[in-house]
Amino acid sequence: MNIDHVRLFVRVAATSNISKAGQELRLSPAVASSYITRLEEELGVRLIHRTTRKVSLTEEGVSFLPYAEEVLASVDQALTSVGSGRYSPRGVLRITAPASFGYMHLVPGLKGFLETYPDISIDLNLSDTVVDIVAGGFDVAIRNAALKDSTLIARALASDRRIVCASPDYINRHGEPETPEDLKNHDCVILSGIDNWSFKTPEGDTHVKISGRLHLDNGSAMREASVEGLGLSLNSTWSVYKQLKRGTLIQVLKDYPLISGSSIWAVYPSSRQVSPKVKAFIDYFHHLFGTPPYWDHQE
């Protein structure tokens, strides 16, 4: 079985387009189509339904896909283990990540990553929608929420510390809360209906129901609303570290840490061996972010 044919099939499954998959692997549409045909002839089954508008996997193609992915991961690992520097991770790496975090911390790091790994190409999807990694054909996802899917493996890339912030203008007009209970007397910017904030106090954990006139569904918008003096907000330090450095936001309630336990996770399917390109991505960004992460160095 020709490994190049298998590699193309996996990319066709991810892109639903033979020409696009071939382009990723530097193949003409005609050559890409012939690779799929040869693989089908060798296996004796049809793997792909072809129409004038799109392609889709047959039942046999769906069954073959996870084994094809395992074969590619094994081959790449084997080549890396004996390459002695001559073989580096390669191929298209499909990543999905939350929009704000991706813009602020992934995209700026991609220049160095791509220079380090010249045989890897990136297909980056930035969306706050939590997508199905396997169905979407992604190699790895970045998430900052608790992992609920037991079919996925997660590795922490960085801590995700959260703090309460306000603008100097807001504090001048309304004063600074001294204890979590004081939040009940303040306007808070509320994200996606999260109106209970939990803190560690000398007396034990406390939970405060907050209120405010502004409800938002986007963390970046919430941060900017606080900069404009519209209320106190709960933010990840990776989102507000620049505003804290400039002084357009000020951390309040420093003596009362929020109960969070959140992290930035790299997530990939447990049904697959971790491929060299995924491992390279995780290792690179884990080192780039640092421990503690660079965004917590600048308060």
C-alpha atoms as a PDB file:
ATOM      1  CA  MET A   1       0.000   0.000   0.000  1.00  0.00           C
ATOM      2  CA  ASN A   2       1.450   3.332  -1.081  1.00  0.00           C
ATOM      3  CA  ILE A   3       1.690   5.643   1.940  1.00  0.00           C
ATOM      4  CA  ASP A   4       1.261   8.733  -0.262  1.00  0.00           C
ATOM      5  CA  HIS A   5      -2.091   7.400  -1.417  1.00  0.00           C
ATOM      6  CA  VAL A   6      -3.158   6.858   2.184  1.00  0.00           C
ATOM      7  CA  ARG A   7      -1.974  10.337   3.183  1.00  0.00           C
ATOM      8  CA  LEU A   8      -4.035  11.895   0.416  1.00  0.00           C
ATOM      9  CA  PHE A   9      -7.122   9.894   1.396  1.00  0.00           C
ATOM     10  CA  VAL A  10      -6.900  11.217   4.966  1.00  0.00           C
ATOM     11  CA  ARG A  11      -6.690  14.789   3.688  1.00  0.00           C
ATOM     12  CA  VAL A  12      -9.644  14.222   1.341  1.00  0.00           C
ATOM     13  CA  ALA A  13     -11.650  12.967   4.319  1.00  0.00           C
ATOM     14  CA  ALA A  14     -10.798  16.172   6.200  1.00  0.00           C
ATOM     15  CA  THR A  15     -11.426  18.632   3.362  1.00  0.00           C
ATOM     16  CA  SER A  16     -14.191  16.864   1.394  1.00  0.00           C
ATOM     17  CA  ASN A  17     -12.368  18.049  -1.716  1.00  0.00           C
ATOM     18  CA  ILE A  18      -9.888  16.050  -3.783  1.00  0.00           C
ATOM     19  CA  SER A  19      -8.365  19.082  -5.498  1.00  0.00           C
ATOM     20  CA  LYS A  20      -7.845  20.969  -2.221  1.00  0.00           C
ATOM     21  CA  ALA A  21      -6.351  17.899  -0.547  1.00  0.00           C
ATOM     22  CA  GLY A  22      -4.044  17.415  -3.516  1.00  0.00           C
ATOM     23  CA  GLN A  23      -2.999  21.060  -3.424  1.00  0.00           C
ATOM     24  CA  GLU A  24      -1.996  20.692   0.234  1.00  0.00           C
ATOM     25  CA  LEU A  25       0.273  17.814  -0.789  1.00  0.00           C
ATOM     26  CA  ARG A  26       1.541  19.602  -3.914  1.00  0.00           C
ATOM     27  CA  LEU A  27      -0.357  17.314  -6.295  1.00  0.00           C
ATOM     28  CA  SER A  28      -2.316  18.328  -9.377  1.00  0.00           C
ATOM     29  CA  PRO A  29      -6.065  17.514  -9.369  1.00  0.00           C
ATOM     30  CA  ALA A  30      -5.494  14.762 -11.958  1.00  0.00           C
ATOM     31  CA  VAL A  31      -2.705  13.114  -9.961  1.00  0.00           C
ATOM     32  CA  ALA A  32      -4.692  13.394  -6.729  1.00  0.00           C
ATOM     33  CA  SER A  33      -7.709  11.743  -8.331  1.00  0.00           C
ATOM     34  CA  SER A  34      -5.522   8.955  -9.698  1.00  0.00           C
ATOM     35  CA  TYR A  35      -4.056   8.342  -6.209  1.00  0.00           C
ATOM     36  CA  ILE A  36      -7.532   7.795  -4.779  1.00  0.00           C
ATOM     37  CA  THR A  37      -8.466   5.509  -7.662  1.00  0.00           C
ATOM     38  CA  ARG A  38      -5.325   3.404  -7.177  1.00  0.00           C
ATOM     39  CA  LEU A  39      -5.968   3.093  -3.441  1.00  0.00           C
ATOM     40  CA  GLU A  40      -9.538   1.983  -4.087  1.00  0.00           C
ATOM     41  CA  GLU A  41      -8.360  -0.549  -6.671  1.00  0.00           C
ATOM     42  CA  GLU A  42      -5.784  -1.948  -4.266  1.00  0.00           C
ATOM     43  CA  LEU A  43      -8.330  -2.296  -1.454  1.00  0.00           C
ATOM     44  CA  GLY A  44     -11.060  -3.550  -3.761  1.00  0.00           C
ATOM     45  CA  VAL A  45     -13.685  -1.141  -2.389  1.00  0.00           C
ATOM     46  CA  ARG A  46     -14.925   2.342  -3.146  1.00  0.00           C
ATOM     47  CA  LEU A  47     -13.794   4.770  -0.458  1.00  0.00           C
ATOM     48  CA  ILE A  48     -15.265   8.025  -1.769  1.00  0.00           C
ATOM     49  CA  HIS A  49     -18.526   9.130  -3.355  1.00  0.00           C
ATOM     50  CA  ARG A  50     -17.716  11.610  -6.127  1.00  0.00           C
ATOM     51  CA  THR A  51     -20.224  14.197  -7.379  1.00  0.00           C
ATOM     52  CA  THR A  52     -19.798  17.396  -9.380  1.00  0.00           C
ATOM     53  CA  ARG A  53     -20.145  19.484  -6.184  1.00  0.00           C
ATOM     54  CA  LYS A  54     -18.405  17.545  -3.431  1.00  0.00           C
ATOM     55  CA  VAL A  55     -16.995  14.242  -2.300  1.00  0.00           C
ATOM     56  CA  SER A  56     -17.950  12.219   0.762  1.00  0.00           C
ATOM     57  CA  LEU A  57     -16.768   8.998   2.326  1.00  0.00           C
ATOM     58  CA  THR A  58     -18.532   5.750   1.623  1.00  0.00           C
ATOM     59  CA  GLU A  59     -19.348   3.395   4.486  1.00  0.00           C
ATOM     60  CA  GLU A  60     -16.114   1.569   3.699  1.00  0.00           C
ATOM     61  CA  GLY A  61     -14.238   4.883   3.634  1.00  0.00           C
ATOM     62  CA  VAL A  62     -15.555   5.793   7.080  1.00  0.00           C
ATOM     63  CA  SER A  63     -14.434   2.403   8.409  1.00  0.00           C
ATOM     64  CA  PHE A  64     -11.007   2.687   6.796  1.00  0.00           C
ATOM     65  CA  LEU A  65     -10.271   6.263   7.973  1.00  0.00           C
ATOM     66  CA  PRO A  66      -9.185   5.630  11.606  1.00  0.00           C
ATOM     67  CA  TYR A  67      -6.873   2.833  10.479  1.00  0.00           C
ATOM     68  CA  ALA A  68      -5.402   5.092   7.789  1.00  0.00           C
ATOM     69  CA  GLU A  69      -4.749   7.775  10.412  1.00  0.00           C
ATOM     70  CA  GLU A  70      -3.044   5.234  12.651  1.00  0.00           C
ATOM     71  CA  VAL A  71      -0.860   4.070   9.764  1.00  0.00           C
ATOM     72  CA  LEU A  72       0.252   7.642   9.015  1.00  0.00           C
ATOM     73  CA  ALA A  73       0.997   8.389  12.663  1.00  0.00           C
ATOM     74  CA  SER A  74       3.041   5.189  12.949  1.00  0.00           C
ATOM     75  CA  VAL A  75       5.000   5.895   9.780  1.00  0.00           C
ATOM     76  CA  ASP A  76       5.752   9.477  10.825  1.00  0.00           C
ATOM     77  CA  GLN A  77       6.870   8.340  14.271  1.00  0.00           C
ATOM     78  CA  ALA A  78       9.057   5.629  12.787  1.00  0.00           C
ATOM     79  CA  LEU A  79      10.722   8.061  10.374  1.00  0.00           C
ATOM     80  CA  THR A  80      11.294  10.578  13.145  1.00  0.00           C
ATOM     81  CA  SER A  81      12.840   7.955  15.443  1.00  0.00           C
ATOM     82  CA  VAL A  82      15.466   6.892  12.902  1.00  0.00           C
ATOM     83  CA  GLY A  83      15.875  10.127  11.012  1.00  0.00           C
ATOM     84  CA  SER A  84      18.853  11.419  13.029  1.00  0.00           C
ATOM     85  CA  GLY A  85      17.836  14.948  12.109  1.00  0.00           C
ATOM     86  CA  ARG A  86      17.090  14.187   8.467  1.00  0.00           C
ATOM     87  CA  TYR A  87      13.352  13.775   9.022  1.00  0.00           C
ATOM     88  CA  SER A  88      11.226  16.450  10.638  1.00  0.00           C
ATOM     89  CA  PRO A  89       7.469  16.569  11.336  1.00  0.00           C
ATOM     90  CA  ARG A  90       5.548  17.321   8.180  1.00  0.00           C
ATOM     91  CA  GLY A  91       2.126  17.682   6.647  1.00  0.00           C
ATOM     92  CA  VAL A  92      -0.898  19.909   7.152  1.00  0.00           C
ATOM     93  CA  LEU A  93      -1.733  20.526  10.809  1.00  0.00           C
ATOM     94  CA  ARG A  94      -5.403  21.415  11.285  1.00  0.00           C
ATOM     95  CA  ILE A  95      -6.057  23.350  14.495  1.00  0.00           C
ATOM     96  CA  THR A  96      -9.220  24.791  16.008  1.00  0.00           C
ATOM     97  CA  ALA A  97      -9.005  27.357  18.800  1.00  0.00           C
ATOM     98  CA  PRO A  98     -11.102  30.005  20.591  1.00  0.00           C
ATOM     99  CA  ALA A  99     -11.067  33.195  18.539  1.00  0.00           C
ATOM    100  CA  SER A 100      -9.714  35.665  21.117  1.00  0.00           C
ATOM    101  CA  PHE A 101      -6.973  33.373  22.408  1.00  0.00           C
ATOM    102  CA  GLY A 102      -6.006  32.387  18.869  1.00  0.00           C
ATOM    103  CA  TYR A 103      -5.657  35.979  17.680  1.00  0.00           C
ATOM    104  CA  MET A 104      -3.687  37.058  20.754  1.00  0.00           C
ATOM    105  CA  HIS A 105      -1.408  34.104  21.442  1.00  0.00           C
ATOM    106  CA  LEU A 106      -1.402  31.475  18.675  1.00  0.00           C
ATOM    107  CA  VAL A 107      -1.076  33.598  15.546  1.00  0.00           C
ATOM    108  CA  PRO A 108       1.888  35.638  16.893  1.00  0.00           C
ATOM    109  CA  GLY A 109       3.684  32.368  17.709  1.00  0.00           C
ATOM    110  CA  LEU A 110       3.167  30.762  14.309  1.00  0.00           C
ATOM    111  CA  LYS A 111       6.052  32.569  12.606  1.00  0.00           C
ATOM    112  CA  GLY A 112       8.606  30.938  14.883  1.00  0.00           C
ATOM    113  CA  PHE A 113       6.842  27.581  14.732  1.00  0.00           C
ATOM    114  CA  LEU A 114       6.753  27.502  10.924  1.00  0.00           C
ATOM    115  CA  GLU A 115      10.402  28.571  10.743  1.00  0.00           C
ATOM    116  CA  THR A 116      11.300  25.740  13.127  1.00  0.00           C
ATOM    117  CA  TYR A 117       9.245  23.179  11.186  1.00  0.00           C
ATOM    118  CA  PRO A 118       9.438  24.119   7.477  1.00  0.00           C
ATOM    119  CA  ASP A 119       7.656  20.922   6.372  1.00  0.00           C
ATOM    120  CA  ILE A 120       4.481  21.695   8.348  1.00  0.00           C
ATOM    121  CA  SER A 121       1.615  23.792   6.970  1.00  0.00           C
ATOM    122  CA  ILE A 122      -1.088  25.234   9.238  1.00  0.00           C
ATOM    123  CA  ASP A 123      -4.856  25.247   8.694  1.00  0.00           C
ATOM    124  CA  LEU A 124      -6.163  27.298  11.645  1.00  0.00           C
ATOM    125  CA  ASN A 125      -9.849  27.640  12.485  1.00  0.00           C
ATOM    126  CA  LEU A 126     -10.670  30.373  15.027  1.00  0.00           C
ATOM    127  CA  SER A 127     -14.126  30.066  16.510  1.00  0.00           C
ATOM    128  CA  ASP A 128     -15.707  30.258  19.950  1.00  0.00           C
ATOM    129  CA  THR A 129     -17.926  27.310  18.988  1.00  0.00           C
ATOM    130  CA  VAL A 130     -16.691  24.022  20.465  1.00  0.00           C
ATOM    131  CA  VAL A 131     -16.426  21.778  17.417  1.00  0.00           C
ATOM    132  CA  ASP A 132     -16.291  17.999  17.141  1.00  0.00           C
ATOM    133  CA  ILE A 133     -12.592  17.414  16.494  1.00  0.00           C
ATOM    134  CA  VAL A 134     -12.980  14.060  14.774  1.00  0.00           C
ATOM    135  CA  ALA A 135     -15.974  15.023  12.627  1.00  0.00           C
ATOM    136  CA  GLY A 136     -14.277  18.283  11.691  1.00  0.00           C
ATOM    137  CA  GLY A 137     -11.061  16.551  10.685  1.00  0.00           C
ATOM    138  CA  PHE A 138      -8.919  18.522  13.148  1.00  0.00           C
ATOM    139  CA  ASP A 139      -5.621  17.236  14.465  1.00  0.00           C
ATOM    140  CA  VAL A 140      -5.688  19.287  17.668  1.00  0.00           C
ATOM    141  CA  ALA A 141      -7.970  21.738  19.461  1.00  0.00           C
ATOM    142  CA  ILE A 142      -7.148  24.478  21.944  1.00  0.00           C
ATOM    143  CA  ARG A 143      -9.669  24.724  24.755  1.00  0.00           C
ATOM    144  CA  ASN A 144      -9.942  26.588  28.043  1.00  0.00           C
ATOM    145  CA  ALA A 145     -12.899  24.698  29.464  1.00  0.00           C
ATOM    146  CA  ALA A 146     -13.190  21.457  31.399  1.00  0.00           C
ATOM    147  CA  LEU A 147     -12.721  18.345  29.272  1.00  0.00           C
ATOM    148  CA  LYS A 148     -15.940  16.325  29.183  1.00  0.00           C
ATOM    149  CA  ASP A 149     -15.318  13.980  26.232  1.00  0.00           C
ATOM    150  CA  SER A 150     -13.543  10.826  27.436  1.00  0.00           C
ATOM    151  CA  THR A 151     -12.502   9.985  23.866  1.00  0.00           C
ATOM    152  CA  LEU A 152     -10.089  12.935  23.894  1.00  0.00           C
ATOM    153  CA  ILE A 153      -6.660  13.357  25.423  1.00  0.00           C
ATOM    154  CA  ALA A 154      -5.737  16.758  26.892  1.00  0.00           C
ATOM    155  CA  ARG A 155      -2.364  18.253  27.719  1.00  0.00           C
ATOM    156  CA  ALA A 156      -2.128  21.525  29.620  1.00  0.00           C
ATOM    157  CA  LEU A 157      -0.277  24.198  27.635  1.00  0.00           C
ATOM    158  CA  ALA A 158      -0.536  26.957  30.244  1.00  0.00           C
ATOM    159  CA  SER A 159      -2.447  28.043  33.316  1.00  0.00           C
ATOM    160  CA  ASP A 160      -5.567  30.167  32.815  1.00  0.00           C
ATOM    161  CA  ARG A 161      -5.664  32.454  35.855  1.00  0.00           C
ATOM    162  CA  ARG A 162      -8.736  34.653  36.210  1.00  0.00           C
ATOM    163  CA  ILE A 163      -9.060  37.973  38.006  1.00  0.00           C
ATOM    164  CA  VAL A 164     -11.582  40.754  38.584  1.00  0.00           C
ATOM    165  CA  CYS A 165     -10.793  44.031  36.812  1.00  0.00           C
ATOM    166  CA  ALA A 166     -12.122  47.563  36.585  1.00  0.00           C
ATOM    167  CA  SER A 167     -11.026  50.763  34.861  1.00  0.00           C
ATOM    168  CA  PRO A 168      -9.547  53.660  36.853  1.00  0.00           C
ATOM    169  CA  ASP A 169     -12.562  55.731  35.792  1.00  0.00           C
ATOM    170  CA  TYR A 170     -15.002  53.197  37.235  1.00  0.00           C
ATOM    171  CA  ILE A 171     -13.081  53.015  40.527  1.00  0.00           C
ATOM    172  CA  ASN A 172     -12.962  56.823  40.773  1.00  0.00           C
ATOM    173  CA  ARG A 173     -16.730  56.991  40.322  1.00  0.00           C
ATOM    174  CA  HIS A 174     -17.847  53.983  42.352  1.00  0.00           C
ATOM    175  CA  GLY A 175     -14.976  53.062  44.649  1.00  0.00           C
ATOM    176  CA  GLU A 176     -13.027  49.811  44.838  1.00  0.00           C
ATOM    177  CA  PRO A 177     -14.573  46.666  46.361  1.00  0.00           C
ATOM    178  CA  GLU A 178     -12.603  45.529  49.395  1.00  0.00           C
ATOM    179  CA  THR A 179     -14.203  42.090  49.836  1.00  0.00           C
ATOM    180  CA  PRO A 180     -16.134  39.758  47.517  1.00  0.00           C
ATOM    181  CA  GLU A 181     -19.363  40.672  49.325  1.00  0.00           C
ATOM    182  CA  ASP A 182     -18.884  44.289  48.208  1.00  0.00           C
ATOM    183  CA  LEU A 183     -19.522  43.151  44.611  1.00  0.00           C
ATOM    184  CA  LYS A 184     -23.234  43.084  45.414  1.00  0.00           C
ATOM    185  CA  ASN A 185     -23.117  46.901  45.473  1.00  0.00           C
ATOM    186  CA  HIS A 186     -21.324  47.240  42.106  1.00  0.00           C
ATOM    187  CA  ASP A 187     -22.204  47.050  38.428  1.00  0.00           C
ATOM    188  CA  CYS A 188     -20.633  43.958  36.849  1.00  0.00           C
ATOM    189  CA  VAL A 189     -20.262  43.057  33.193  1.00  0.00           C
ATOM    190  CA  ILE A 190     -21.782  39.575  32.940  1.00  0.00           C
ATOM    191  CA  LEU A 191     -20.485  36.996  30.471  1.00  0.00           C
ATOM    192  CA  SER A 192     -22.903  34.419  29.029  1.00  0.00           C
ATOM    193  CA  GLY A 193     -25.114  34.284  32.090  1.00  0.00           C
ATOM    194  CA  ILE A 194     -22.236  33.553  34.512  1.00  0.00           C
ATOM    195  CA  ASP A 195     -23.573  35.576  37.435  1.00  0.00           C
ATOM    196  CA  ASN A 196     -21.937  33.669  40.298  1.00  0.00           C
ATOM    197  CA  TRP A 197     -18.279  34.328  41.078  1.00  0.00           C
ATOM    198  CA  SER A 198     -16.440  32.110  43.561  1.00  0.00           C
ATOM    199  CA  PHE A 199     -13.535  33.257  45.757  1.00  0.00           C
ATOM    200  CA  LYS A 200     -11.144  31.858  48.323  1.00  0.00           C
ATOM    201  CA  THR A 201     -11.293  33.794  51.607  1.00  0.00           C
ATOM    202  CA  PRO A 202      -9.701  33.302  55.043  1.00  0.00           C
ATOM    203  CA  GLU A 203     -13.063  31.990  56.228  1.00  0.00           C
ATOM    204  CA  GLY A 204     -13.366  29.524  53.353  1.00  0.00           C
ATOM    205  CA  ASP A 205     -14.794  29.541  49.859  1.00  0.00           C
ATOM    206  CA  THR A 206     -17.522  32.079  49.165  1.00  0.00           C
ATOM    207  CA  HIS A 207     -19.891  32.436  46.220  1.00  0.00           C
ATOM    208  CA  VAL A 208     -21.230  35.837  45.249  1.00  0.00           C
ATOM    209  CA  LYS A 209     -24.188  36.435  42.948  1.00  0.00           C
ATOM    210  CA  ILE A 210     -23.326  39.508  40.938  1.00  0.00           C
ATOM    211  CA  SER A 211     -25.574  41.768  38.893  1.00  0.00           C
ATOM    212  CA  GLY A 212     -25.211  44.360  36.179  1.00  0.00           C
ATOM    213  CA  ARG A 213     -26.946  46.061  33.284  1.00  0.00           C
ATOM    214  CA  LEU A 214     -24.632  44.719  30.580  1.00  0.00           C
ATOM    215  CA  HIS A 215     -24.628  41.060  29.478  1.00  0.00           C
ATOM    216  CA  LEU A 216     -22.201  39.941  26.751  1.00  0.00           C
ATOM    217  CA  ASP A 217     -21.338  36.669  25.021  1.00  0.00           C
ATOM    218  CA  ASN A 218     -17.726  37.468  24.140  1.00  0.00           C
ATOM    219  CA  GLY A 219     -14.727  37.766  26.434  1.00  0.00           C
ATOM    220  CA  SER A 220     -12.947  40.409  24.360  1.00  0.00           C
ATOM    221  CA  ALA A 221     -16.074  42.563  24.312  1.00  0.00           C
ATOM    222  CA  MET A 222     -16.380  42.175  28.087  1.00  0.00           C
ATOM    223  CA  ARG A 223     -12.782  43.322  28.537  1.00  0.00           C
ATOM    224  CA  GLU A 224     -13.342  46.384  26.359  1.00  0.00           C
ATOM    225  CA  ALA A 225     -16.575  47.204  28.193  1.00  0.00           C
ATOM    226  CA  SER A 226     -14.612  47.298  31.450  1.00  0.00           C
ATOM    227  CA  VAL A 227     -11.944  49.504  29.864  1.00  0.00           C
ATOM    228  CA  GLU A 228     -14.759  51.922  28.988  1.00  0.00           C
ATOM    229  CA  GLY A 229     -15.829  52.029  32.617  1.00  0.00           C
ATOM    230  CA  LEU A 230     -19.054  50.055  32.225  1.00  0.00           C
ATOM    231  CA  GLY A 231     -18.423  47.791  35.207  1.00  0.00           C
ATOM    232  CA  LEU A 232     -16.278  45.186  36.926  1.00  0.00           C
ATOM    233  CA  SER A 233     -15.506  42.077  34.924  1.00  0.00           C
ATOM    234  CA  LEU A 234     -13.995  38.645  35.432  1.00  0.00           C
ATOM    235  CA  ASN A 235     -11.208  38.050  32.916  1.00  0.00           C
ATOM    236  CA  SER A 236      -8.426  35.617  32.115  1.00  0.00           C
ATOM    237  CA  THR A 237      -5.028  37.246  32.558  1.00  0.00           C
ATOM    238  CA  TRP A 238      -4.087  36.159  29.014  1.00  0.00           C
ATOM    239  CA  SER A 239      -6.890  38.450  27.796  1.00  0.00           C
ATOM    240  CA  VAL A 240      -6.165  41.567  29.900  1.00  0.00           C
ATOM    241  CA  TYR A 241      -2.407  41.532  30.524  1.00  0.00           C
ATOM    242  CA  LYS A 242      -1.757  44.352  28.063  1.00  0.00           C
ATOM    243  CA  GLN A 243      -4.470  46.532  29.620  1.00  0.00           C
ATOM    244  CA  LEU A 244      -3.066  45.834  33.097  1.00  0.00           C
ATOM    245  CA  LYS A 245       0.400  46.895  31.910  1.00  0.00           C
ATOM    246  CA  ARG A 246      -0.956  50.095  30.341  1.00  0.00           C
ATOM    247  CA  GLY A 247      -3.072  50.897  33.377  1.00  0.00           C
ATOM    248  CA  THR A 248      -6.365  51.008  31.483  1.00  0.00           C
ATOM    249  CA  LEU A 249      -7.529  48.162  33.742  1.00  0.00           C
ATOM    250  CA  ILE A 250      -6.728  47.552  37.396  1.00  0.00           C
ATOM    251  CA  GLN A 251      -7.003  44.252  39.232  1.00  0.00           C
ATOM    252  CA  VAL A 252      -9.259  44.427  42.291  1.00  0.00           C
ATOM    253  CA  LEU A 253      -9.760  41.956  45.143  1.00  0.00           C
ATOM    254  CA  LYS A 254      -6.134  40.782  44.863  1.00  0.00           C
ATOM    255  CA  ASP A 255      -6.325  39.180  48.317  1.00  0.00           C
ATOM    256  CA  TYR A 256      -9.246  36.982  47.274  1.00  0.00           C
ATOM    257  CA  PRO A 257      -8.249  34.568  44.478  1.00  0.00           C
ATOM    258  CA  LEU A 258     -10.994  33.339  42.215  1.00  0.00           C
ATOM    259  CA  ILE A 259     -11.780  29.634  42.339  1.00  0.00           C
ATOM    260  CA  SER A 260     -11.186  28.514  38.790  1.00  0.00           C
ATOM    261  CA  GLY A 261      -8.721  25.696  38.199  1.00  0.00           C
ATOM    262  CA  SER A 262      -8.822  26.490  34.490  1.00  0.00           C
ATOM    263  CA  SER A 263      -6.023  25.807  32.038  1.00  0.00           C
ATOM    264  CA  ILE A 264      -5.320  26.220  28.361  1.00  0.00           C
ATOM    265  CA  TRP A 265      -5.514  22.699  26.963  1.00  0.00           C
ATOM    266  CA  ALA A 266      -4.300  21.094  23.755  1.00  0.00           C
ATOM    267  CA  VAL A 267      -6.773  18.331  22.957  1.00  0.00           C
ATOM    268  CA  TYR A 268      -6.553  15.510  20.437  1.00  0.00           C
ATOM    269  CA  PRO A 269      -8.431  12.235  19.807  1.00  0.00           C
ATOM    270  CA  SER A 270      -7.408   9.304  21.966  1.00  0.00           C
ATOM    271  CA  SER A 271      -8.165   6.914  19.114  1.00  0.00           C
ATOM    272  CA  ARG A 272      -5.052   8.125  17.321  1.00  0.00           C
ATOM    273  CA  GLN A 273      -1.392   7.933  18.180  1.00  0.00           C
ATOM    274  CA  VAL A 274      -0.116  11.439  18.686  1.00  0.00           C
ATOM    275  CA  SER A 275       1.567  12.324  15.424  1.00  0.00           C
ATOM    276  CA  PRO A 276       4.953  14.071  15.276  1.00  0.00           C
ATOM    277  CA  LYS A 277       3.363  17.285  13.934  1.00  0.00           C
ATOM    278  CA  VAL A 278       0.872  17.418  16.840  1.00  0.00           C
ATOM    279  CA  LYS A 279       3.614  16.673  19.360  1.00  0.00           C
ATOM    280  CA  ALA A 280       5.803  19.358  17.791  1.00  0.00           C
ATOM    281  CA  PHE A 281       2.983  21.905  18.044  1.00  0.00           C
ATOM    282  CA  ILE A 282       2.183  21.082  21.676  1.00  0.00           C
ATOM    283  CA  ASP A 283       5.830  21.082  22.769  1.00  0.00           C
ATOM    284  CA  TYR A 284       6.598  24.327  20.941  1.00  0.00           C
ATOM    285  CA  PHE A 285       3.706  26.335  22.364  1.00  0.00           C
ATOM    286  CA  HIS A 286       4.060  24.872  25.846  1.00  0.00           C
ATOM    287  CA  HIS A 287       7.650  26.156  25.845  1.00  0.00           C
ATOM    288  CA  LEU A 288       6.660  29.462  24.215  1.00  0.00           C
ATOM    289  CA  PHE A 289       3.959  30.220  26.785  1.00  0.00           C
ATOM    290  CA  GLY A 290       6.229  29.263  29.691  1.00  0.00           C
ATOM    291  CA  THR A 291       5.558  28.340  33.323  1.00  0.00           C
ATOM    292  CA  PRO A 292       4.110  30.601  34.561  1.00  0.00           C
ATOM    293  CA  PRO A 293       2.947  31.907  31.176  1.00  0.00           C
ATOM    294  CA  TYR A 294       4.421  35.138  29.851  1.00  0.00           C
ATOM    295  CA  TRP A 295       1.118  36.979  30.247  1.00  0.00           C
ATOM    296  CA  ASP A 296       1.423  36.612  34.031  1.00  0.00           C
ATOM    297  CA  HIS A 297       4.854  38.265  34.098  1.00  0.00           C
ATOM    298  CA  GLN A 298       3.680  41.749  33.231  1.00  0.00           C
ATOM    299  CA  GLU A 299       1.179  42.823  35.874  1.00  0.00           C
END
